């Protein structure tokens, strides 16, 4: 799976977790729908995780990109939020 697609998917998954984390059944349903929307099946996800697990430097790059995007999203949200 291309890194950009994985970052996008991961960010959306984190947002789902933040919203539905307390309700495991709903969270699983939403995560399954998200996988379908990204055209990711279990085999692709598992092979991608396996590939990254053998390359810690790529994991670091992935998490840096994801963290930077999440931080920007938070900054933009706080900036727009009415006071």
Protein backbone atom coordinates (compact mmCIF):
# COMPACT_ATOMS: atom_id res chain seq x y z
CA UNK A 1 0.00 0.00 0.00
CA UNK A 2 1.44 3.42 -0.86
CA UNK A 3 2.59 5.43 2.15
CA UNK A 4 0.20 8.33 1.44
CA UNK A 5 -2.78 5.98 1.38
CA UNK A 6 -1.65 4.39 4.64
CA UNK A 7 -1.22 7.81 6.29
CA UNK A 8 -4.68 8.90 5.10
CA UNK A 9 -6.24 5.66 6.32
CA UNK A 10 -4.43 5.83 9.67
CA UNK A 11 -5.56 9.40 10.29
CA UNK A 12 -9.17 8.54 9.50
CA UNK A 13 -8.89 5.50 11.76
CA UNK A 14 -7.57 7.69 14.59
CA UNK A 15 -10.49 10.08 14.12
CA UNK A 16 -12.91 7.15 14.29
CA UNK A 17 -11.23 5.92 17.44
CA UNK A 18 -11.56 9.36 19.03
CA UNK A 19 -15.24 9.50 18.17
CA UNK A 20 -16.37 5.89 18.74
CA UNK A 21 -13.62 4.46 20.96
CA UNK A 22 -15.97 3.70 23.84
CA UNK A 23 -18.35 1.69 21.65
CA UNK A 24 -16.37 -1.27 20.27
CA UNK A 25 -19.18 -2.60 18.08
CA UNK A 26 -19.76 0.75 16.36
CA UNK A 27 -16.02 1.38 16.09
CA UNK A 28 -15.48 -2.00 14.37
CA UNK A 29 -18.37 -1.37 11.99
CA UNK A 30 -17.00 2.08 11.09
CA UNK A 31 -13.44 0.74 10.71
CA UNK A 32 -14.70 -2.00 8.36
CA UNK A 33 -16.54 0.63 6.31
CA UNK A 34 -13.40 2.76 6.23
CA UNK A 35 -11.36 -0.18 4.94
CA UNK A 36 -13.91 -0.68 2.16
CA UNK A 37 -13.83 3.02 1.29
CA UNK A 38 -10.03 2.86 0.97
CA UNK A 39 -10.20 -0.47 -0.92
CA UNK A 40 -8.14 -2.18 1.77
CA UNK A 41 -8.77 -5.81 2.61
CA UNK A 42 -7.27 -7.79 5.47
CA UNK A 43 -4.59 -9.34 3.26
CA UNK A 44 -3.39 -5.94 2.02
CA UNK A 45 -3.44 -4.48 5.51
CA UNK A 46 -1.55 -7.46 6.97
CA UNK A 47 1.08 -7.45 4.21
CA UNK A 48 1.58 -3.70 4.64
CA UNK A 49 2.02 -4.09 8.41
CA UNK A 50 4.48 -6.93 7.80
CA UNK A 51 6.47 -4.82 5.33
CA UNK A 52 6.66 -1.86 7.74
CA UNK A 53 7.53 -4.08 10.71
CA UNK A 54 10.74 -5.07 8.90
CA UNK A 55 11.64 -1.44 8.21
CA UNK A 56 11.65 0.64 11.43
CA UNK A 57 13.01 3.67 9.57
CA UNK A 58 9.92 3.65 7.35
CA UNK A 59 7.67 3.35 10.41
CA UNK A 60 9.35 6.45 11.83
CA UNK A 61 8.80 8.34 8.57
CA UNK A 62 5.17 7.19 8.47
CA UNK A 63 4.45 8.28 12.06
CA UNK A 64 6.18 11.62 11.55
CA UNK A 65 3.96 12.34 8.54
CA UNK A 66 0.82 11.20 10.36
CA UNK A 67 1.66 13.18 13.52
CA UNK A 68 2.39 16.31 11.49
CA UNK A 69 -0.92 16.04 9.64
CA UNK A 70 -2.87 15.44 12.86
CA UNK A 71 -1.16 18.42 14.50
CA UNK A 72 -2.06 20.62 11.53
CA UNK A 73 -5.66 19.41 11.63
CA UNK A 74 -5.84 20.22 15.34
CA UNK A 75 -4.31 23.64 14.79
CA UNK A 76 -6.75 24.42 11.97
CA UNK A 77 -9.69 23.23 14.09
CA UNK A 78 -8.70 25.34 17.08
CA UNK A 79 -8.15 28.32 14.82
CA UNK A 80 -11.68 27.99 13.33
CA UNK A 81 -13.43 27.19 16.59
CA UNK A 82 -15.59 30.12 17.77
CA UNK A 83 -14.48 31.63 21.04
